[in-house]
Amino acid sequence: GSPDGTGRLIETLATTNPRVRVLHRPGKLGLGSAYRQAYRR
């Protein structure tokens, strides 16, 4: 949930390149939490 629009920028890049994806989360849930969720998926 980056306030500076990081997620929106990645989403824009993903629309033109299928090798780029982004998982949006609602707020700061921690680095380890991010990796665990991504790896499991």
Full PDB file with SEQRES, HELIX, SHEET, SSBOND, CRYST1, ORIGX, SCALE, CONECT and MASTER records, all heavy atoms in Angstrom:
SEQRES   1 A   41  GLY SER PRO ASP GLY THR GLY ARG LEU ILE GLU THR LEU          
SEQRES   2 A   41  ALA THR THR ASN PRO ARG VAL ARG VAL LEU HIS ARG PRO          
SEQRES   3 A   41  GLY LYS LEU GLY LEU GLY SER ALA TYR ARG GLN ALA TYR          
SEQRES   4 A   41  ARG ARG                                                      
HELIX    1 AA1 THR A    6  THR A   16  1                                  11    
HELIX    2 AA2 LEU A   31  ARG A   40  1                                  10    
CRYST1    1.000    1.000    1.000  90.00  90.00  90.00 P 1           1          
ORIGX1      1.000000  0.000000  0.000000        0.00000                         
ORIGX2      0.000000  1.000000  0.000000        0.00000                         
ORIGX3      0.000000  0.000000  1.000000        0.00000                         
SCALE1      1.000000  0.000000  0.000000        0.00000                         
SCALE2      0.000000  1.000000  0.000000        0.00000                         
SCALE3      0.000000  0.000000  1.000000        0.00000                         
ATOM      1  N   GLY A   1       0.796  -1.224   0.000  1.00  0.00           N  
ATOM      2  CA  GLY A   1       0.000   0.000   0.000  1.00  0.00           C  
ATOM      3  C   GLY A   1       0.825   1.270   0.000  1.00  0.00           C  
ATOM      4  O   GLY A   1       0.499   2.232   0.722  1.00  0.00           O  
ATOM      5  N   SER A   2       1.868   1.335  -0.794  1.00  0.00           N  
ATOM      6  CA  SER A   2       2.778   2.489  -0.798  1.00  0.00           C  
ATOM      7  C   SER A   2       2.033   3.798  -1.070  1.00  0.00           C  
ATOM      8  O   SER A   2       1.399   3.949  -2.121  1.00  0.00           O  
ATOM      9  CB  SER A   2       3.855   2.312  -1.868  1.00  0.00           C  
ATOM     10  OG  SER A   2       4.666   1.199  -1.601  1.00  0.00           O  
ATOM     11  N   PRO A   3       2.132   4.769  -0.167  1.00  0.00           N  
ATOM     12  CA  PRO A   3       1.465   6.069  -0.393  1.00  0.00           C  
ATOM     13  C   PRO A   3       2.013   6.828  -1.591  1.00  0.00           C  
ATOM     14  O   PRO A   3       1.314   7.686  -2.146  1.00  0.00           O  
ATOM     15  CB  PRO A   3       1.739   6.835   0.906  1.00  0.00           C  
ATOM     16  CG  PRO A   3       2.041   5.789   1.925  1.00  0.00           C  
ATOM     17  CD  PRO A   3       2.724   4.685   1.175  1.00  0.00           C  
ATOM     18  N   ASP A   4       3.257   6.536  -1.994  1.00  0.00           N  
ATOM     19  CA  ASP A   4       3.854   7.290  -3.102  1.00  0.00           C  
ATOM     20  C   ASP A   4       3.454   6.757  -4.478  1.00  0.00           C  
ATOM     21  O   ASP A   4       3.932   7.248  -5.494  1.00  0.00           O  
ATOM     22  CB  ASP A   4       5.379   7.312  -2.965  1.00  0.00           C  
ATOM     23  CG  ASP A   4       6.026   5.973  -3.297  1.00  0.00           C  
ATOM     24  OD1 ASP A   4       5.305   4.949  -3.345  1.00  0.00           O  
ATOM     25  OD2 ASP A   4       7.263   5.938  -3.493  1.00  0.00           O  
ATOM     26  N   GLY A   5       2.592   5.751  -4.527  1.00  0.00           N  
ATOM     27  CA  GLY A   5       2.124   5.238  -5.815  1.00  0.00           C  
ATOM     28  C   GLY A   5       2.990   4.162  -6.421  1.00  0.00           C  
ATOM     29  O   GLY A   5       2.850   3.855  -7.620  1.00  0.00           O  
ATOM     30  N   THR A   6       3.872   3.550  -5.636  1.00  0.00           N  
ATOM     31  CA  THR A   6       4.718   2.475  -6.161  1.00  0.00           C  
ATOM     32  C   THR A   6       3.885   1.363  -6.783  1.00  0.00           C  
ATOM     33  O   THR A   6       4.161   0.901  -7.898  1.00  0.00           O  
ATOM     34  CB  THR A   6       5.594   1.889  -5.038  1.00  0.00           C  
ATOM     35  OG1 THR A   6       6.475   2.890  -4.548  1.00  0.00           O  
ATOM     36  CG2 THR A   6       6.426   0.726  -5.557  1.00  0.00           C  
ATOM     37  N   GLY A   7       2.861   0.926  -6.065  1.00  0.00           N  
ATOM     38  CA  GLY A   7       2.034  -0.167  -6.571  1.00  0.00           C  
ATOM     39  C   GLY A   7       1.332   0.184  -7.865  1.00  0.00           C  
ATOM     40  O   GLY A   7       1.233  -0.645  -8.781  1.00  0.00           O  
ATOM     41  N   ARG A   8       0.853   1.404  -7.979  1.00  0.00           N  
ATOM     42  CA  ARG A   8       0.169   1.832  -9.212  1.00  0.00           C  
ATOM     43  C   ARG A   8       1.130   1.868 -10.387  1.00  0.00           C  
ATOM     44  O   ARG A   8       0.772   1.486 -11.513  1.00  0.00           O  
ATOM     45  CB  ARG A   8      -0.471   3.203  -9.008  1.00  0.00           C  
ATOM     46  CG  ARG A   8      -1.631   3.204  -8.013  1.00  0.00           C  
ATOM     47  CD  ARG A   8      -2.403   4.514  -8.068  1.00  0.00           C  
ATOM     48  NE  ARG A   8      -1.571   5.656  -7.698  1.00  0.00           N  
ATOM     49  CZ  ARG A   8      -1.376   6.075  -6.448  1.00  0.00           C  
ATOM     50  NH1 ARG A   8      -1.938   5.414  -5.446  1.00  0.00           N  
ATOM     51  NH2 ARG A   8      -0.644   7.130  -6.194  1.00  0.00           N  
ATOM     52  N   LEU A   9       2.366   2.303 -10.139  1.00  0.00           N  
ATOM     53  CA  LEU A   9       3.361   2.324 -11.207  1.00  0.00           C  
ATOM     54  C   LEU A   9       3.660   0.910 -11.695  1.00  0.00           C  
ATOM     55  O   LEU A   9       3.731   0.660 -12.907  1.00  0.00           O  
ATOM     56  CB  LEU A   9       4.647   2.998 -10.721  1.00  0.00           C  
ATOM     57  CG  LEU A   9       5.838   2.946 -11.684  1.00  0.00           C  
ATOM     58  CD1 LEU A   9       5.492   3.621 -13.001  1.00  0.00           C  
ATOM     59  CD2 LEU A   9       7.069   3.578 -11.054  1.00  0.00           C  
ATOM     60  N   ILE A  10       3.847  -0.023 -10.765  1.00  0.00           N  
ATOM     61  CA  ILE A  10       4.128  -1.402 -11.168  1.00  0.00           C  
ATOM     62  C   ILE A  10       2.945  -1.972 -11.945  1.00  0.00           C  
ATOM     63  O   ILE A  10       3.128  -2.687 -12.939  1.00  0.00           O  
ATOM     64  CB  ILE A  10       4.437  -2.270  -9.935  1.00  0.00           C  
ATOM     65  CG1 ILE A  10       5.654  -1.732  -9.182  1.00  0.00           C  
ATOM     66  CG2 ILE A  10       4.684  -3.728 -10.356  1.00  0.00           C  
ATOM     67  CD1 ILE A  10       5.885  -2.389  -7.828  1.00  0.00           C  
ATOM     68  N   GLU A  11       1.741  -1.642 -11.512  1.00  0.00           N  
ATOM     69  CA  GLU A  11       0.544  -2.113 -12.219  1.00  0.00           C  
ATOM     70  C   GLU A  11       0.549  -1.607 -13.660  1.00  0.00           C  
ATOM     71  O   GLU A  11       0.203  -2.339 -14.603  1.00  0.00           O  
ATOM     72  CB  GLU A  11      -0.704  -1.630 -11.484  1.00  0.00           C  
ATOM     73  CG  GLU A  11      -1.989  -2.307 -11.895  1.00  0.00           C  
ATOM     74  CD  GLU A  11      -2.062  -3.751 -11.430  1.00  0.00           C  
ATOM     75  OE1 GLU A  11      -2.017  -3.988 -10.214  1.00  0.00           O  
ATOM     76  OE2 GLU A  11      -2.154  -4.642 -12.311  1.00  0.00           O  
ATOM     77  N   THR A  12       0.953  -0.356 -13.852  1.00  0.00           N  
ATOM     78  CA  THR A  12       1.029   0.199 -15.197  1.00  0.00           C  
ATOM     79  C   THR A  12       2.059  -0.537 -16.046  1.00  0.00           C  
ATOM     80  O   THR A  12       1.809  -0.875 -17.211  1.00  0.00           O  
ATOM     81  CB  THR A  12       1.384   1.701 -15.137  1.00  0.00           C  
ATOM     82  OG1 THR A  12       0.372   2.391 -14.410  1.00  0.00           O  
ATOM     83  CG2 THR A  12       1.493   2.289 -16.535  1.00  0.00           C  
ATOM     84  N   LEU A  13       3.223  -0.814 -15.460  1.00  0.00           N  
ATOM     85  CA  LEU A  13       4.256  -1.558 -16.185  1.00  0.00           C  
ATOM     86  C   LEU A  13       3.781  -2.967 -16.529  1.00  0.00           C  
ATOM     87  O   LEU A  13       4.105  -3.499 -17.595  1.00  0.00           O  
ATOM     88  CB  LEU A  13       5.530  -1.630 -15.343  1.00  0.00           C  
ATOM     89  CG  LEU A  13       6.228  -0.304 -15.040  1.00  0.00           C  
ATOM     90  CD1 LEU A  13       7.397  -0.528 -14.084  1.00  0.00           C  
ATOM     91  CD2 LEU A  13       6.706   0.367 -16.313  1.00  0.00           C  
ATOM     92  N   ALA A  14       3.005  -3.554 -15.648  1.00  0.00           N  
ATOM     93  CA  ALA A  14       2.528  -4.922 -15.864  1.00  0.00           C  
ATOM     94  C   ALA A  14       1.555  -5.014 -17.034  1.00  0.00           C  
ATOM     95  O   ALA A  14       1.440  -6.071 -17.665  1.00  0.00           O  
ATOM     96  CB  ALA A  14       1.874  -5.448 -14.589  1.00  0.00           C  
ATOM     97  N   THR A  15       0.862  -3.919 -17.318  1.00  0.00           N  
ATOM     98  CA  THR A  15      -0.104  -3.953 -18.421  1.00  0.00           C  
ATOM     99  C   THR A  15       0.580  -4.086 -19.774  1.00  0.00           C  
ATOM    100  O   THR A  15      -0.043  -4.532 -20.736  1.00  0.00           O  
ATOM    101  CB  THR A  15      -0.978  -2.686 -18.429  1.00  0.00           C  
ATOM    102  OG1 THR A  15      -0.142  -1.532 -18.611  1.00  0.00           O  
ATOM    103  CG2 THR A  15      -1.762  -2.565 -17.121  1.00  0.00           C  
ATOM    104  N   THR A  16       1.855  -3.715 -19.842  1.00  0.00           N  
ATOM    105  CA  THR A  16       2.578  -3.789 -21.113  1.00  0.00           C  
ATOM    106  C   THR A  16       3.652  -4.864 -21.124  1.00  0.00           C  
ATOM    107  O   THR A  16       4.275  -5.084 -22.161  1.00  0.00           O  
ATOM    108  CB  THR A  16       3.226  -2.431 -21.445  1.00  0.00           C  
ATOM    109  OG1 THR A  16       4.131  -2.062 -20.396  1.00  0.00           O  
ATOM    110  CG2 THR A  16       2.159  -1.359 -21.610  1.00  0.00           C  
ATOM    111  N   ASN A  17       3.895  -5.517 -19.976  1.00  0.00           N  
ATOM    112  CA  ASN A  17       4.913  -6.565 -19.930  1.00  0.00           C  
ATOM    113  C   ASN A  17       4.418  -7.708 -19.048  1.00  0.00           C  
ATOM    114  O   ASN A  17       4.335  -7.559 -17.832  1.00  0.00           O  
ATOM    115  CB  ASN A  17       6.230  -6.018 -19.391  1.00  0.00           C  
ATOM    116  CG  ASN A  17       7.392  -6.959 -19.696  1.00  0.00           C  
ATOM    117  OD1 ASN A  17       7.279  -8.175 -19.553  1.00  0.00           O  
ATOM    118  ND2 ASN A  17       8.511  -6.401 -20.132  1.00  0.00           N  
ATOM    119  N   PRO A  18       4.112  -8.860 -19.645  1.00  0.00           N  
ATOM    120  CA  PRO A  18       3.584  -9.989 -18.872  1.00  0.00           C  
ATOM    121  C   PRO A  18       4.582 -10.591 -17.896  1.00  0.00           C  
ATOM    122  O   PRO A  18       4.186 -11.390 -17.037  1.00  0.00           O  
ATOM    123  CB  PRO A  18       3.198 -11.002 -19.959  1.00  0.00           C  
ATOM    124  CG  PRO A  18       4.044 -10.645 -21.141  1.00  0.00           C  
ATOM    125  CD  PRO A  18       4.217  -9.165 -21.085  1.00  0.00           C  
ATOM    126  N   ARG A  19       5.852 -10.205 -17.982  1.00  0.00           N  
ATOM    127  CA  ARG A  19       6.851 -10.722 -17.046  1.00  0.00           C  
ATOM    128  C   ARG A  19       6.855  -9.965 -15.728  1.00  0.00           C  
ATOM    129  O   ARG A  19       7.573 -10.333 -14.797  1.00  0.00           O  
ATOM    130  CB  ARG A  19       8.249 -10.672 -17.684  1.00  0.00           C  
ATOM    131  CG  ARG A  19       8.437 -11.672 -18.823  1.00  0.00           C  
ATOM    132  CD  ARG A  19       9.728 -11.435 -19.567  1.00  0.00           C  
ATOM    133  NE  ARG A  19      10.891 -11.556 -18.705  1.00  0.00           N  
ATOM    134  CZ  ARG A  19      12.142 -11.259 -19.104  1.00  0.00           C  
ATOM    135  NH1 ARG A  19      12.358 -10.817 -20.335  1.00  0.00           N  
ATOM    136  NH2 ARG A  19      13.149 -11.398 -18.274  1.00  0.00           N  
ATOM    137  N   VAL A  20       6.053  -8.914 -15.644  1.00  0.00           N  
ATOM    138  CA  VAL A  20       5.972  -8.096 -14.426  1.00  0.00           C  
ATOM    139  C   VAL A  20       4.588  -8.281 -13.809  1.00  0.00           C  
ATOM    140  O   VAL A  20       3.563  -8.143 -14.485  1.00  0.00           O  
ATOM    141  CB  VAL A  20       6.209  -6.610 -14.744  1.00  0.00           C  
ATOM    142  CG1 VAL A  20       6.054  -5.767 -13.479  1.00  0.00           C  
ATOM    143  CG2 VAL A  20       7.589  -6.409 -15.360  1.00  0.00           C  
ATOM    144  N   ARG A  21       4.574  -8.589 -12.500  1.00  0.00           N  
ATOM    145  CA  ARG A  21       3.310  -8.706 -11.763  1.00  0.00           C  
ATOM    146  C   ARG A  21       3.452  -8.014 -10.408  1.00  0.00           C  
ATOM    147  O   ARG A  21       4.556  -7.856  -9.898  1.00  0.00           O  
ATOM    148  CB  ARG A  21       2.941 -10.180 -11.536  1.00  0.00           C  
ATOM    149  CG  ARG A  21       2.478 -10.901 -12.780  1.00  0.00           C  
ATOM    150  CD  ARG A  21       1.998 -12.305 -12.439  1.00  0.00           C  
ATOM    151  NE  ARG A  21       3.096 -13.199 -12.128  1.00  0.00           N  
ATOM    152  CZ  ARG A  21       2.937 -14.405 -11.563  1.00  0.00           C  
ATOM    153  NH1 ARG A  21       1.729 -14.808 -11.197  1.00  0.00           N  
ATOM    154  NH2 ARG A  21       3.980 -15.178 -11.332  1.00  0.00           N  
ATOM    155  N   VAL A  22       2.324  -7.659  -9.817  1.00  0.00           N  
ATOM    156  CA  VAL A  22       2.346  -7.038  -8.494  1.00  0.00           C  
ATOM    157  C   VAL A  22       1.181  -7.570  -7.673  1.00  0.00           C  
ATOM    158  O   VAL A  22       0.059  -7.712  -8.161  1.00  0.00           O  
ATOM    159  CB  VAL A  22       2.299  -5.493  -8.587  1.00  0.00           C  
ATOM    160  CG1 VAL A  22       1.065  -5.028  -9.342  1.00  0.00           C  
ATOM    161  CG2 VAL A  22       2.361  -4.875  -7.196  1.00  0.00           C  
ATOM    162  N   LEU A  23       1.471  -7.879  -6.425  1.00  0.00           N  
ATOM    163  CA  LEU A  23       0.464  -8.249  -5.438  1.00  0.00           C  
ATOM    164  C   LEU A  23       0.272  -7.055  -4.514  1.00  0.00           C  
ATOM    165  O   LEU A  23       1.230  -6.609  -3.867  1.00  0.00           O  
ATOM    166  CB  LEU A  23       0.921  -9.471  -4.644  1.00  0.00           C  
ATOM    167  CG  LEU A  23       0.075  -9.862  -3.432  1.00  0.00           C  
ATOM    168  CD1 LEU A  23      -1.322 -10.287  -3.867  1.00  0.00           C  
ATOM    169  CD2 LEU A  23       0.753 -10.978  -2.639  1.00  0.00           C  
ATOM    170  N   HIS A  24      -0.925  -6.541  -4.454  1.00  0.00           N  
ATOM    171  CA  HIS A  24      -1.217  -5.377  -3.617  1.00  0.00           C  
ATOM    172  C   HIS A  24      -1.703  -5.838  -2.250  1.00  0.00           C  
ATOM    173  O   HIS A  24      -2.596  -6.684  -2.137  1.00  0.00           O  
ATOM    174  CB  HIS A  24      -2.291  -4.504  -4.280  1.00  0.00           C  
ATOM    175  CG  HIS A  24      -1.897  -3.945  -5.598  1.00  0.00           C  
ATOM    176  ND1 HIS A  24      -1.072  -2.858  -5.737  1.00  0.00           N  
ATOM    177  CD2 HIS A  24      -2.208  -4.343  -6.864  1.00  0.00           C  
ATOM    178  CE1 HIS A  24      -0.898  -2.581  -7.019  1.00  0.00           C  
ATOM    179  NE2 HIS A  24      -1.571  -3.475  -7.729  1.00  0.00           N  
ATOM    180  N   ARG A  25      -1.119  -5.258  -1.197  1.00  0.00           N  
ATOM    181  CA  ARG A  25      -1.562  -5.539   0.167  1.00  0.00           C  
ATOM    182  C   ARG A  25      -2.007  -4.216   0.792  1.00  0.00           C  
ATOM    183  O   ARG A  25      -1.562  -3.135   0.388  1.00  0.00           O  
ATOM    184  CB  ARG A  25      -0.431  -6.188   0.973  1.00  0.00           C  
ATOM    185  CG  ARG A  25       0.125  -7.437   0.290  1.00  0.00           C  
ATOM    186  CD  ARG A  25       0.795  -8.398   1.246  1.00  0.00           C  
ATOM    187  NE  ARG A  25       1.874  -7.804   2.015  1.00  0.00           N  
ATOM    188  CZ  ARG A  25       2.512  -8.438   3.004  1.00  0.00           C  
ATOM    189  NH1 ARG A  25       2.167  -9.674   3.324  1.00  0.00           N  
ATOM    190  NH2 ARG A  25       3.502  -7.850   3.665  1.00  0.00           N  
ATOM    191  N   PRO A  26      -2.869  -4.268   1.798  1.00  0.00           N  
ATOM    192  CA  PRO A  26      -3.522  -3.042   2.280  1.00  0.00           C  
ATOM    193  C   PRO A  26      -2.643  -2.108   3.098  1.00  0.00           C  
ATOM    194  O   PRO A  26      -2.997  -0.956   3.314  1.00  0.00           O  
ATOM    195  CB  PRO A  26      -4.676  -3.574   3.134  1.00  0.00           C  
ATOM    196  CG  PRO A  26      -4.221  -4.931   3.578  1.00  0.00           C  
ATOM    197  CD  PRO A  26      -3.438  -5.478   2.432  1.00  0.00           C  
ATOM    198  N   GLY A  27      -1.492  -2.581   3.574  1.00  0.00           N  
ATOM    199  CA  GLY A  27      -0.638  -1.735   4.401  1.00  0.00           C  
ATOM    200  C   GLY A  27       0.638  -2.471   4.752  1.00  0.00           C  
ATOM    201  O   GLY A  27       0.900  -3.574   4.252  1.00  0.00           O  
ATOM    202  N   LYS A  28       1.463  -1.860   5.615  1.00  0.00           N  
ATOM    203  CA  LYS A  28       2.752  -2.437   5.984  1.00  0.00           C  
ATOM    204  C   LYS A  28       2.539  -3.641   6.899  1.00  0.00           C  
ATOM    205  O   LYS A  28       2.209  -3.492   8.069  1.00  0.00           O  
ATOM    206  CB  LYS A  28       3.620  -1.383   6.674  1.00  0.00           C  
ATOM    207  CG  LYS A  28       4.031  -0.236   5.755  1.00  0.00           C  
ATOM    208  CD  LYS A  28       4.991   0.713   6.451  1.00  0.00           C  
ATOM    209  CE  LYS A  28       6.344   0.094   6.647  1.00  0.00           C  
ATOM    210  NZ  LYS A  28       7.342   1.060   7.176  1.00  0.00           N  
ATOM    211  N   LEU A  29       2.754  -4.825   6.342  1.00  0.00           N  
ATOM    212  CA  LEU A  29       2.554  -6.067   7.079  1.00  0.00           C  
ATOM    213  C   LEU A  29       3.870  -6.777   7.368  1.00  0.00           C  
ATOM    214  O   LEU A  29       3.865  -7.852   7.967  1.00  0.00           O  
ATOM    215  CB  LEU A  29       1.618  -6.996   6.291  1.00  0.00           C  
ATOM    216  CG  LEU A  29       0.239  -6.407   5.976  1.00  0.00           C  
ATOM    217  CD1 LEU A  29      -0.562  -7.376   5.108  1.00  0.00           C  
ATOM    218  CD2 LEU A  29      -0.512  -6.086   7.259  1.00  0.00           C  
ATOM    219  N   GLY A  30       4.983  -6.192   6.948  1.00  0.00           N  
ATOM    220  CA  GLY A  30       6.288  -6.751   7.283  1.00  0.00           C  
ATOM    221  C   GLY A  30       6.969  -7.453   6.124  1.00  0.00           C  
ATOM    222  O   GLY A  30       6.316  -8.057   5.266  1.00  0.00           O  
ATOM    223  N   LEU A  31       8.294  -7.380   6.116  1.00  0.00           N  
ATOM    224  CA  LEU A  31       9.088  -7.978   5.050  1.00  0.00           C  
ATOM    225  C   LEU A  31       8.910  -9.489   5.002  1.00  0.00           C  
ATOM    226  O   LEU A  31       8.681 -10.078   3.936  1.00  0.00           O  
ATOM    227  CB  LEU A  31      10.567  -7.634   5.263  1.00  0.00           C  
ATOM    228  CG  LEU A  31      11.536  -8.140   4.198  1.00  0.00           C  
ATOM    229  CD1 LEU A  31      11.400  -7.314   2.934  1.00  0.00           C  
ATOM    230  CD2 LEU A  31      12.976  -8.088   4.713  1.00  0.00           C  
ATOM    231  N   GLY A  32       9.021 -10.139   6.160  1.00  0.00           N  
ATOM    232  CA  GLY A  32       8.881 -11.590   6.195  1.00  0.00           C  
ATOM    233  C   GLY A  32       7.506 -12.030   5.743  1.00  0.00           C  
ATOM    234  O   GLY A  32       7.361 -13.023   5.016  1.00  0.00           O  
ATOM    235  N   SER A  33       6.490 -11.300   6.164  1.00  0.00           N  
ATOM    236  CA  SER A  33       5.120 -11.602   5.746  1.00  0.00           C  
ATOM    237  C   SER A  33       4.978 -11.506   4.234  1.00  0.00           C  
ATOM    238  O   SER A  33       4.317 -12.339   3.601  1.00  0.00           O  
ATOM    239  CB  SER A  33       4.155 -10.642   6.441  1.00  0.00           C  
ATOM    240  OG  SER A  33       2.876 -10.712   5.881  1.00  0.00           O  
ATOM    241  N   ALA A  34       5.597 -10.494   3.642  1.00  0.00           N  
ATOM    242  CA  ALA A  34       5.530 -10.320   2.186  1.00  0.00           C  
ATOM    243  C   ALA A  34       6.169 -11.497   1.467  1.00  0.00           C  
ATOM    244  O   ALA A  34       5.601 -12.045   0.511  1.00  0.00           O  
ATOM    245  CB  ALA A  34       6.221  -9.016   1.789  1.00  0.00           C  
ATOM    246  N   TYR A  35       7.358 -11.894   1.917  1.00  0.00           N  
ATOM    247  CA  TYR A  35       8.031 -13.014   1.268  1.00  0.00           C  
ATOM    248  C   TYR A  35       7.245 -14.309   1.448  1.00  0.00           C  
ATOM    249  O   TYR A  35       7.093 -15.095   0.501  1.00  0.00           O  
ATOM    250  CB  TYR A  35       9.444 -13.177   1.825  1.00  0.00           C  
ATOM    251  CG  TYR A  35      10.468 -12.284   1.172  1.00  0.00           C  
ATOM    252  CD1 TYR A  35      11.252 -11.414   1.931  1.00  0.00           C  
ATOM    253  CD2 TYR A  35      10.667 -12.306  -0.204  1.00  0.00           C  
ATOM    254  CE1 TYR A  35      12.195 -10.590   1.332  1.00  0.00           C  
ATOM    255  CE2 TYR A  35      11.606 -11.487  -0.816  1.00  0.00           C  
ATOM    256  CZ  TYR A  35      12.368 -10.634  -0.036  1.00  0.00           C  
ATOM    257  OH  TYR A  35      13.305  -9.827  -0.639  1.00  0.00           O  
ATOM    258  N   ARG A  36       6.746 -14.556   2.643  1.00  0.00           N  
ATOM    259  CA  ARG A  36       6.008 -15.797   2.868  1.00  0.00           C  
ATOM    260  C   ARG A  36       4.779 -15.883   1.973  1.00  0.00           C  
ATOM    261  O   ARG A  36       4.503 -16.921   1.368  1.00  0.00           O  
ATOM    262  CB  ARG A  36       5.592 -15.917   4.345  1.00  0.00           C  
ATOM    263  CG  ARG A  36       6.724 -16.244   5.284  1.00  0.00           C  
ATOM    264  CD  ARG A  36       6.193 -16.767   6.623  1.00  0.00           C  
ATOM    265  NE  ARG A  36       5.294 -15.824   7.262  1.00  0.00           N  
ATOM    266  CZ  ARG A  36       5.678 -14.846   8.074  1.00  0.00           C  
ATOM    267  NH1 ARG A  36       6.967 -14.664   8.335  1.00  0.00           N  
ATOM    268  NH2 ARG A  36       4.795 -14.039   8.639  1.00  0.00           N  
ATOM    269  N   GLN A  37       4.046 -14.786   1.871  1.00  0.00           N  
ATOM    270  CA  GLN A  37       2.849 -14.789   1.041  1.00  0.00           C  
ATOM    271  C   GLN A  37       3.201 -14.983  -0.433  1.00  0.00           C  
ATOM    272  O   GLN A  37       2.528 -15.743  -1.151  1.00  0.00           O  
ATOM    273  CB  GLN A  37       2.074 -13.481   1.233  1.00  0.00           C  
ATOM    274  CG  GLN A  37       0.713 -13.465   0.546  1.00  0.00           C  
ATOM    275  CD  GLN A  37      -0.117 -12.253   0.931  1.00  0.00           C  
ATOM    276  OE1 GLN A  37       0.250 -11.474   1.808  1.00  0.00           O  
ATOM    277  NE2 GLN A  37      -1.253 -12.083   0.273  1.00  0.00           N  
ATOM    278  N   ALA A  38       4.256 -14.315  -0.883  1.00  0.00           N  
ATOM    279  CA  ALA A  38       4.662 -14.448  -2.282  1.00  0.00           C  
ATOM    280  C   ALA A  38       5.156 -15.859  -2.591  1.00  0.00           C  
ATOM    281  O   ALA A  38       4.768 -16.464  -3.606  1.00  0.00           O  
ATOM    282  CB  ALA A  38       5.753 -13.431  -2.599  1.00  0.00           C  
ATOM    283  N   TYR A  39       6.012 -16.405  -1.731  1.00  0.00           N  
ATOM    284  CA  TYR A  39       6.544 -17.740  -1.983  1.00  0.00           C  
ATOM    285  C   TYR A  39       5.429 -18.777  -2.032  1.00  0.00           C  
ATOM    286  O   TYR A  39       5.412 -19.671  -2.898  1.00  0.00           O  
ATOM    287  CB  TYR A  39       7.553 -18.130  -0.899  1.00  0.00           C  
ATOM    288  CG  TYR A  39       8.840 -17.344  -0.923  1.00  0.00           C  
ATOM    289  CD1 TYR A  39       9.579 -17.139   0.247  1.00  0.00           C  
ATOM    290  CD2 TYR A  39       9.338 -16.797  -2.103  1.00  0.00           C  
ATOM    291  CE1 TYR A  39      10.772 -16.427   0.233  1.00  0.00           C  
ATOM    292  CE2 TYR A  39      10.519 -16.082  -2.120  1.00  0.00           C  
ATOM    293  CZ  TYR A  39      11.229 -15.900  -0.950  1.00  0.00           C  
ATOM    294  OH  TYR A  39      12.406 -15.194  -0.960  1.00  0.00           O  
ATOM    295  N   ARG A  40       4.498 -18.678  -1.099  1.00  0.00           N  
ATOM    296  CA  ARG A  40       3.407 -19.660  -1.068  1.00  0.00           C  
ATOM    297  C   ARG A  40       2.588 -19.601  -2.352  1.00  0.00           C  
ATOM    298  O   ARG A  40       2.182 -20.631  -2.895  1.00  0.00           O  
ATOM    299  CB  ARG A  40       2.520 -19.400   0.142  1.00  0.00           C  
ATOM    300  CG  ARG A  40       1.454 -20.452   0.370  1.00  0.00           C  
ATOM    301  CD  ARG A  40       1.015 -20.470   1.807  1.00  0.00           C  
ATOM    302  NE  ARG A  40       2.093 -20.894   2.687  1.00  0.00           N  
ATOM    303  CZ  ARG A  40       2.024 -20.861   4.020  1.00  0.00           C  
ATOM    304  NH1 ARG A  40       0.927 -20.426   4.615  1.00  0.00           N  
ATOM    305  NH2 ARG A  40       3.046 -21.267   4.757  1.00  0.00           N  
ATOM    306  N   ARG A  41       2.373 -18.415  -2.840  1.00  0.00           N  
ATOM    307  CA  ARG A  41       1.613 -18.269  -4.093  1.00  0.00           C  
ATOM    308  C   ARG A  41       2.423 -18.765  -5.279  1.00  0.00           C  
ATOM    309  O   ARG A  41       1.904 -19.493  -6.142  1.00  0.00           O  
ATOM    310  CB  ARG A  41       1.235 -16.801  -4.274  1.00  0.00           C  
ATOM    311  CG  ARG A  41       0.557 -16.484  -5.596  1.00  0.00           C  
ATOM    312  CD  ARG A  41      -0.022 -15.092  -5.581  1.00  0.00           C  
ATOM    313  NE  ARG A  41      -0.495 -14.690  -6.893  1.00  0.00           N  
ATOM    314  CZ  ARG A  41      -1.262 -13.625  -7.114  1.00  0.00           C  
ATOM    315  NH1 ARG A  41      -1.652 -12.877  -6.093  1.00  0.00           N  
ATOM    316  NH2 ARG A  41      -1.644 -13.310  -8.327  1.00  0.00           N  
TER     317      ARG A  41                                                      
MASTER        0    0    0    2    0    0    0    6  316    1    0    4          
END                                                                             
